[in-house]
Amino acid sequence: LDEIRAMRRERNFSEFSIAQLAGAVAQAFAICAVCFGLYWAINGDANSSTLALLTAIVFQIMALTGFMISKRR
């Protein structure tokens, strides 16, 4: 029972990870870029839409990288 409590305590107070924070911020930017891309796609601006969606892909890859780095430590 003490081991289970220790595991729960450790899970609640896990280390702060800069990589995980960077991943969360990158994912927020990715969501914003997708929203802008869809907005521009609906309004007929194909160049801006493509650029925004490609930017969203890059931000999402950055987010996944940040999350994976934080899991390995």
PDB file of N, CA and C in Angstrom:
ATOM      1  N   LEU A   1       0.823  -1.195   0.000  1.00  0.00           N
ATOM      2  CA  LEU A   1       0.000   0.000   0.000  1.00  0.00           C
ATOM      3  C   LEU A   1       0.870   1.264   0.000  1.00  0.00           C
ATOM      4  N   ASP A   2       1.965   1.199   0.734  1.00  0.00           N
ATOM      5  CA  ASP A   2       2.871   2.352   0.758  1.00  0.00           C
ATOM      6  C   ASP A   2       3.496   2.598  -0.611  1.00  0.00           C
ATOM      7  N   GLU A   3       3.783   1.522  -1.337  1.00  0.00           N
ATOM      8  CA  GLU A   3       4.363   1.674  -2.674  1.00  0.00           C
ATOM      9  C   GLU A   3       3.373   2.331  -3.627  1.00  0.00           C
ATOM     10  N   ILE A   4       2.118   1.961  -3.520  1.00  0.00           N
ATOM     11  CA  ILE A   4       1.097   2.567  -4.379  1.00  0.00           C
ATOM     12  C   ILE A   4       0.957   4.053  -4.069  1.00  0.00           C
ATOM     13  N   ARG A   5       0.980   4.400  -2.803  1.00  0.00           N
ATOM     14  CA  ARG A   5       0.907   5.818  -2.426  1.00  0.00           C
ATOM     15  C   ARG A   5       2.124   6.585  -2.926  1.00  0.00           C
ATOM     16  N   ALA A   6       3.283   5.967  -2.835  1.00  0.00           N
ATOM     17  CA  ALA A   6       4.502   6.623  -3.320  1.00  0.00           C
ATOM     18  C   ALA A   6       4.436   6.830  -4.827  1.00  0.00           C
ATOM     19  N   MET A   7       3.923   5.832  -5.555  1.00  0.00           N
ATOM     20  CA  MET A   7       3.790   5.969  -7.011  1.00  0.00           C
ATOM     21  C   MET A   7       2.801   7.080  -7.356  1.00  0.00           C
ATOM     22  N   ARG A   8       1.705   7.166  -6.625  1.00  0.00           N
ATOM     23  CA  ARG A   8       0.712   8.210  -6.880  1.00  0.00           C
ATOM     24  C   ARG A   8       1.308   9.586  -6.580  1.00  0.00           C
ATOM     25  N   ARG A   9       2.051   9.693  -5.492  1.00  0.00           N
ATOM     26  CA  ARG A   9       2.678  10.960  -5.124  1.00  0.00           C
ATOM     27  C   ARG A   9       3.695  11.374  -6.189  1.00  0.00           C
ATOM     28  N   GLU A  10       4.464  10.410  -6.658  1.00  0.00           N
ATOM     29  CA  GLU A  10       5.461  10.708  -7.692  1.00  0.00           C
ATOM     30  C   GLU A  10       4.789  11.150  -8.984  1.00  0.00           C
ATOM     31  N   ARG A  11       3.667  10.530  -9.320  1.00  0.00           N
ATOM     32  CA  ARG A  11       2.952  10.901 -10.536  1.00  0.00           C
ATOM     33  C   ARG A  11       2.377  12.310 -10.414  1.00  0.00           C
ATOM     34  N   ASN A  12       1.893  12.658  -9.237  1.00  0.00           N
ATOM     35  CA  ASN A  12       1.311  13.983  -9.041  1.00  0.00           C
ATOM     36  C   ASN A  12       2.356  15.087  -9.054  1.00  0.00           C
ATOM     37  N   PHE A  13       3.550  14.788  -8.593  1.00  0.00           N
ATOM     38  CA  PHE A  13       4.603  15.793  -8.499  1.00  0.00           C
ATOM     39  C   PHE A  13       5.765  15.451  -9.424  1.00  0.00           C
ATOM     40  N   SER A  14       5.453  15.135 -10.664  1.00  0.00           N
ATOM     41  CA  SER A  14       6.511  14.788 -11.610  1.00  0.00           C
ATOM     42  C   SER A  14       7.324  16.035 -11.966  1.00  0.00           C
ATOM     43  N   GLU A  15       8.502  15.808 -12.519  1.00  0.00           N
ATOM     44  CA  GLU A  15       9.403  16.911 -12.852  1.00  0.00           C
ATOM     45  C   GLU A  15       8.826  17.795 -13.942  1.00  0.00           C
ATOM     46  N   PHE A  16       9.188  19.064 -13.869  1.00  0.00           N
ATOM     47  CA  PHE A  16       8.815  20.007 -14.909  1.00  0.00           C
ATOM     48  C   PHE A  16       9.714  19.775 -16.111  1.00  0.00           C
ATOM     49  N   SER A  17       9.144  19.717 -17.282  1.00  0.00           N
ATOM     50  CA  SER A  17       9.918  19.449 -18.483  1.00  0.00           C
ATOM     51  C   SER A  17       9.770  20.616 -19.463  1.00  0.00           C
ATOM     52  N   ILE A  18      10.897  21.216 -19.796  1.00  0.00           N
ATOM     53  CA  ILE A  18      10.902  22.296 -20.791  1.00  0.00           C
ATOM     54  C   ILE A  18      10.455  21.757 -22.147  1.00  0.00           C
ATOM     55  N   ALA A  19      10.861  20.527 -22.465  1.00  0.00           N
ATOM     56  CA  ALA A  19      10.485  19.931 -23.749  1.00  0.00           C
ATOM     57  C   ALA A  19       8.972  19.757 -23.845  1.00  0.00           C
ATOM     58  N   GLN A  20       8.346  19.350 -22.755  1.00  0.00           N
ATOM     59  CA  GLN A  20       6.897  19.171 -22.772  1.00  0.00           C
ATOM     60  C   GLN A  20       6.188  20.524 -22.876  1.00  0.00           C
ATOM     61  N   LEU A  21       6.710  21.527 -22.201  1.00  0.00           N
ATOM     62  CA  LEU A  21       6.142  22.870 -22.305  1.00  0.00           C
ATOM     63  C   LEU A  21       6.278  23.402 -23.734  1.00  0.00           C
ATOM     64  N   ALA A  22       7.451  23.206 -24.337  1.00  0.00           N
ATOM     65  CA  ALA A  22       7.657  23.647 -25.718  1.00  0.00           C
ATOM     66  C   ALA A  22       6.719  22.902 -26.665  1.00  0.00           C
ATOM     67  N   GLY A  23       6.503  21.621 -26.401  1.00  0.00           N
ATOM     68  CA  GLY A  23       5.571  20.847 -27.219  1.00  0.00           C
ATOM     69  C   GLY A  23       4.149  21.365 -27.112  1.00  0.00           C
ATOM     70  N   ALA A  24       3.740  21.728 -25.909  1.00  0.00           N
ATOM     71  CA  ALA A  24       2.386  22.253 -25.716  1.00  0.00           C
ATOM     72  C   ALA A  24       2.209  23.596 -26.417  1.00  0.00           C
ATOM     73  N   VAL A  25       3.228  24.443 -26.332  1.00  0.00           N
ATOM     74  CA  VAL A  25       3.161  25.744 -27.007  1.00  0.00           C
ATOM     75  C   VAL A  25       3.138  25.550 -28.521  1.00  0.00           C
ATOM     76  N   ALA A  26       3.969  24.640 -29.027  1.00  0.00           N
ATOM     77  CA  ALA A  26       3.991  24.370 -30.466  1.00  0.00           C
ATOM     78  C   ALA A  26       2.651  23.819 -30.934  1.00  0.00           C
ATOM     79  N   GLN A  27       2.022  22.986 -30.119  1.00  0.00           N
ATOM     80  CA  GLN A  27       0.729  22.441 -30.505  1.00  0.00           C
ATOM     81  C   GLN A  27      -0.347  23.531 -30.517  1.00  0.00           C
ATOM     82  N   ALA A  28      -0.261  24.473 -29.603  1.00  0.00           N
ATOM     83  CA  ALA A  28      -1.204  25.594 -29.616  1.00  0.00           C
ATOM     84  C   ALA A  28      -1.030  26.431 -30.885  1.00  0.00           C
ATOM     85  N   PHE A  29       0.227  26.668 -31.281  1.00  0.00           N
ATOM     86  CA  PHE A  29       0.474  27.390 -32.530  1.00  0.00           C
ATOM     87  C   PHE A  29      -0.021  26.593 -33.733  1.00  0.00           C
ATOM     88  N   ALA A  30       0.110  25.276 -33.681  1.00  0.00           N
ATOM     89  CA  ALA A  30      -0.370  24.433 -34.779  1.00  0.00           C
ATOM     90  C   ALA A  30      -1.880  24.555 -34.928  1.00  0.00           C
ATOM     91  N   ILE A  31      -2.585  24.563 -33.822  1.00  0.00           N
ATOM     92  CA  ILE A  31      -4.045  24.702 -33.880  1.00  0.00           C
ATOM     93  C   ILE A  31      -4.426  26.057 -34.467  1.00  0.00           C
ATOM     94  N   CYS A  32      -3.728  27.109 -34.056  1.00  0.00           N
ATOM     95  CA  CYS A  32      -3.990  28.443 -34.613  1.00  0.00           C
ATOM     96  C   CYS A  32      -3.706  28.484 -36.110  1.00  0.00           C
ATOM     97  N   ALA A  33      -2.615  27.857 -36.522  1.00  0.00           N
ATOM     98  CA  ALA A  33      -2.263  27.845 -37.945  1.00  0.00           C
ATOM     99  C   ALA A  33      -3.303  27.086 -38.761  1.00  0.00           C
ATOM    100  N   VAL A  34      -3.828  25.990 -38.220  1.00  0.00           N
ATOM    101  CA  VAL A  34      -4.884  25.249 -38.923  1.00  0.00           C
ATOM    102  C   VAL A  34      -6.132  26.115 -39.060  1.00  0.00           C
ATOM    103  N   CYS A  35      -6.483  26.823 -38.003  1.00  0.00           N
ATOM    104  CA  CYS A  35      -7.662  27.698 -38.064  1.00  0.00           C
ATOM    105  C   CYS A  35      -7.488  28.784 -39.123  1.00  0.00           C
ATOM    106  N   PHE A  36      -6.314  29.422 -39.144  1.00  0.00           N
ATOM    107  CA  PHE A  36      -6.060  30.430 -40.172  1.00  0.00           C
ATOM    108  C   PHE A  36      -6.065  29.808 -41.564  1.00  0.00           C
ATOM    109  N   GLY A  37      -5.472  28.627 -41.693  1.00  0.00           N
ATOM    110  CA  GLY A  37      -5.450  27.953 -42.988  1.00  0.00           C
ATOM    111  C   GLY A  37      -6.840  27.632 -43.497  1.00  0.00           C
ATOM    112  N   LEU A  38      -7.698  27.147 -42.619  1.00  0.00           N
ATOM    113  CA  LEU A  38      -9.077  26.852 -43.026  1.00  0.00           C
ATOM    114  C   LEU A  38      -9.845  28.127 -43.356  1.00  0.00           C
ATOM    115  N   TYR A  39      -9.603  29.179 -42.591  1.00  0.00           N
ATOM    116  CA  TYR A  39     -10.260  30.462 -42.868  1.00  0.00           C
ATOM    117  C   TYR A  39      -9.874  30.972 -44.255  1.00  0.00           C
ATOM    118  N   TRP A  40      -8.573  30.938 -44.541  1.00  0.00           N
ATOM    119  CA  TRP A  40      -8.123  31.415 -45.848  1.00  0.00           C
ATOM    120  C   TRP A  40      -8.568  30.489 -46.968  1.00  0.00           C
ATOM    121  N   ALA A  41      -8.687  29.196 -46.711  1.00  0.00           N
ATOM    122  CA  ALA A  41      -9.166  28.265 -47.736  1.00  0.00           C
ATOM    123  C   ALA A  41     -10.627  28.553 -48.076  1.00  0.00           C
ATOM    124  N   ILE A  42     -11.417  28.864 -47.062  1.00  0.00           N
ATOM    125  CA  ILE A  42     -12.831  29.175 -47.298  1.00  0.00           C
ATOM    126  C   ILE A  42     -12.974  30.476 -48.076  1.00  0.00           C
ATOM    127  N   ASN A  43     -12.105  31.445 -47.797  1.00  0.00           N
ATOM    128  CA  ASN A  43     -12.175  32.740 -48.477  1.00  0.00           C
ATOM    129  C   ASN A  43     -11.461  32.756 -49.819  1.00  0.00           C
ATOM    130  N   GLY A  44     -10.887  31.659 -50.244  1.00  0.00           N
ATOM    131  CA  GLY A  44     -10.319  31.555 -51.578  1.00  0.00           C
ATOM    132  C   GLY A  44      -8.872  31.969 -51.720  1.00  0.00           C
ATOM    133  N   ASP A  45      -8.167  32.220 -50.646  1.00  0.00           N
ATOM    134  CA  ASP A  45      -6.753  32.590 -50.717  1.00  0.00           C
ATOM    135  C   ASP A  45      -5.912  31.320 -50.602  1.00  0.00           C
ATOM    136  N   ALA A  46      -5.667  30.681 -51.740  1.00  0.00           N
ATOM    137  CA  ALA A  46      -5.019  29.364 -51.748  1.00  0.00           C
ATOM    138  C   ALA A  46      -3.571  29.426 -51.280  1.00  0.00           C
ATOM    139  N   ASN A  47      -2.838  30.459 -51.663  1.00  0.00           N
ATOM    140  CA  ASN A  47      -1.425  30.537 -51.277  1.00  0.00           C
ATOM    141  C   ASN A  47      -1.260  30.676 -49.767  1.00  0.00           C
ATOM    142  N   SER A  48      -2.013  31.573 -49.176  1.00  0.00           N
ATOM    143  CA  SER A  48      -1.930  31.756 -47.724  1.00  0.00           C
ATOM    144  C   SER A  48      -2.418  30.518 -46.984  1.00  0.00           C
ATOM    145  N   SER A  49      -3.449  29.889 -47.522  1.00  0.00           N
ATOM    146  CA  SER A  49      -3.983  28.680 -46.896  1.00  0.00           C
ATOM    147  C   SER A  49      -2.955  27.559 -46.898  1.00  0.00           C
ATOM    148  N   THR A  50      -2.300  27.360 -48.025  1.00  0.00           N
ATOM    149  CA  THR A  50      -1.284  26.312 -48.124  1.00  0.00           C
ATOM    150  C   THR A  50      -0.127  26.583 -47.176  1.00  0.00           C
ATOM    151  N   LEU A  51       0.322  27.819 -47.141  1.00  0.00           N
ATOM    152  CA  LEU A  51       1.424  28.184 -46.252  1.00  0.00           C
ATOM    153  C   LEU A  51       1.046  27.979 -44.782  1.00  0.00           C
ATOM    154  N   ALA A  52      -0.162  28.359 -44.407  1.00  0.00           N
ATOM    155  CA  ALA A  52      -0.602  28.199 -43.022  1.00  0.00           C
ATOM    156  C   ALA A  52      -0.720  26.724 -42.649  1.00  0.00           C
ATOM    157  N   LEU A  53      -1.238  25.898 -43.550  1.00  0.00           N
ATOM    158  CA  LEU A  53      -1.378  24.473 -43.247  1.00  0.00           C
ATOM    159  C   LEU A  53      -0.019  23.780 -43.184  1.00  0.00           C
ATOM    160  N   LEU A  54       0.919  24.188 -44.030  1.00  0.00           N
ATOM    161  CA  LEU A  54       2.271  23.633 -43.938  1.00  0.00           C
ATOM    162  C   LEU A  54       2.949  24.066 -42.636  1.00  0.00           C
ATOM    163  N   THR A  55       2.703  25.295 -42.230  1.00  0.00           N
ATOM    164  CA  THR A  55       3.230  25.765 -40.947  1.00  0.00           C
ATOM    165  C   THR A  55       2.634  24.964 -39.795  1.00  0.00           C
ATOM    166  N   ALA A  56       1.360  24.635 -39.895  1.00  0.00           N
ATOM    167  CA  ALA A  56       0.715  23.819 -38.862  1.00  0.00           C
ATOM    168  C   ALA A  56       1.351  22.436 -38.783  1.00  0.00           C
ATOM    169  N   ILE A  57       1.702  21.871 -39.925  1.00  0.00           N
ATOM    170  CA  ILE A  57       2.368  20.561 -39.934  1.00  0.00           C
ATOM    171  C   ILE A  57       3.718  20.654 -39.232  1.00  0.00           C
ATOM    172  N   VAL A  58       4.466  21.705 -39.523  1.00  0.00           N
ATOM    173  CA  VAL A  58       5.778  21.884 -38.892  1.00  0.00           C
ATOM    174  C   VAL A  58       5.628  22.040 -37.382  1.00  0.00           C
ATOM    175  N   PHE A  59       4.664  22.850 -36.956  1.00  0.00           N
ATOM    176  CA  PHE A  59       4.448  23.023 -35.512  1.00  0.00           C
ATOM    177  C   PHE A  59       4.013  21.722 -34.846  1.00  0.00           C
ATOM    178  N   GLN A  60       3.200  20.926 -35.538  1.00  0.00           N
ATOM    179  CA  GLN A  60       2.759  19.666 -34.948  1.00  0.00           C
ATOM    180  C   GLN A  60       3.925  18.690 -34.821  1.00  0.00           C
ATOM    181  N   ILE A  61       4.813  18.666 -35.796  1.00  0.00           N
ATOM    182  CA  ILE A  61       6.004  17.814 -35.694  1.00  0.00           C
ATOM    183  C   ILE A  61       6.886  18.288 -34.540  1.00  0.00           C
ATOM    184  N   MET A  62       7.011  19.601 -34.379  1.00  0.00           N
ATOM    185  CA  MET A  62       7.769  20.124 -33.238  1.00  0.00           C
ATOM    186  C   MET A  62       7.129  19.699 -31.919  1.00  0.00           C
ATOM    187  N   ALA A  63       5.800  19.737 -31.854  1.00  0.00           N
ATOM    188  CA  ALA A  63       5.095  19.344 -30.634  1.00  0.00           C
ATOM    189  C   ALA A  63       5.324  17.871 -30.332  1.00  0.00           C
ATOM    190  N   LEU A  64       5.208  17.030 -31.337  1.00  0.00           N
ATOM    191  CA  LEU A  64       5.428  15.598 -31.123  1.00  0.00           C
ATOM    192  C   LEU A  64       6.857  15.319 -30.676  1.00  0.00           C
ATOM    193  N   THR A  65       7.806  16.040 -31.246  1.00  0.00           N
ATOM    194  CA  THR A  65       9.197  15.871 -30.837  1.00  0.00           C
ATOM    195  C   THR A  65       9.387  16.269 -29.375  1.00  0.00           C
ATOM    196  N   GLY A  66       8.795  17.381 -28.981  1.00  0.00           N
ATOM    197  CA  GLY A  66       8.895  17.813 -27.586  1.00  0.00           C
ATOM    198  C   GLY A  66       8.273  16.815 -26.628  1.00  0.00           C
ATOM    199  N   PHE A  67       7.130  16.259 -27.004  1.00  0.00           N
ATOM    200  CA  PHE A  67       6.480  15.274 -26.138  1.00  0.00           C
ATOM    201  C   PHE A  67       7.292  13.991 -26.047  1.00  0.00           C
ATOM    202  N   MET A  68       7.882  13.569 -27.153  1.00  0.00           N
ATOM    203  CA  MET A  68       8.673  12.333 -27.139  1.00  0.00           C
ATOM    204  C   MET A  68       9.961  12.515 -26.333  1.00  0.00           C
ATOM    205  N   ILE A  69      10.582  13.677 -26.433  1.00  0.00           N
ATOM    206  CA  ILE A  69      11.802  13.934 -25.660  1.00  0.00           C
ATOM    207  C   ILE A  69      11.490  13.915 -24.168  1.00  0.00           C
ATOM    208  N   SER A  70      10.356  14.492 -23.778  1.00  0.00           N
ATOM    209  CA  SER A  70      10.015  14.523 -22.352  1.00  0.00           C
ATOM    210  C   SER A  70       9.681  13.131 -21.828  1.00  0.00           C
ATOM    211  N   LYS A  71       9.180  12.244 -22.671  1.00  0.00           N
ATOM    212  CA  LYS A  71       8.846  10.884 -22.234  1.00  0.00           C
ATOM    213  C   LYS A  71      10.092  10.028 -22.036  1.00  0.00           C
ATOM    214  N   ARG A  72      11.149  10.303 -22.789  1.00  0.00           N
ATOM    215  CA  ARG A  72      12.365   9.487 -22.703  1.00  0.00           C
ATOM    216  C   ARG A  72      13.168   9.771 -21.453  1.00  0.00           C
ATOM    217  N   ARG A  73      12.981  10.913 -20.841  1.00  0.00           N
ATOM    218  CA  ARG A  73      13.778  11.270 -19.662  1.00  0.00           C
ATOM    219  C   ARG A  73      13.177  10.751 -18.418  1.00  0.00           C
TER     220      ARG A  73
END
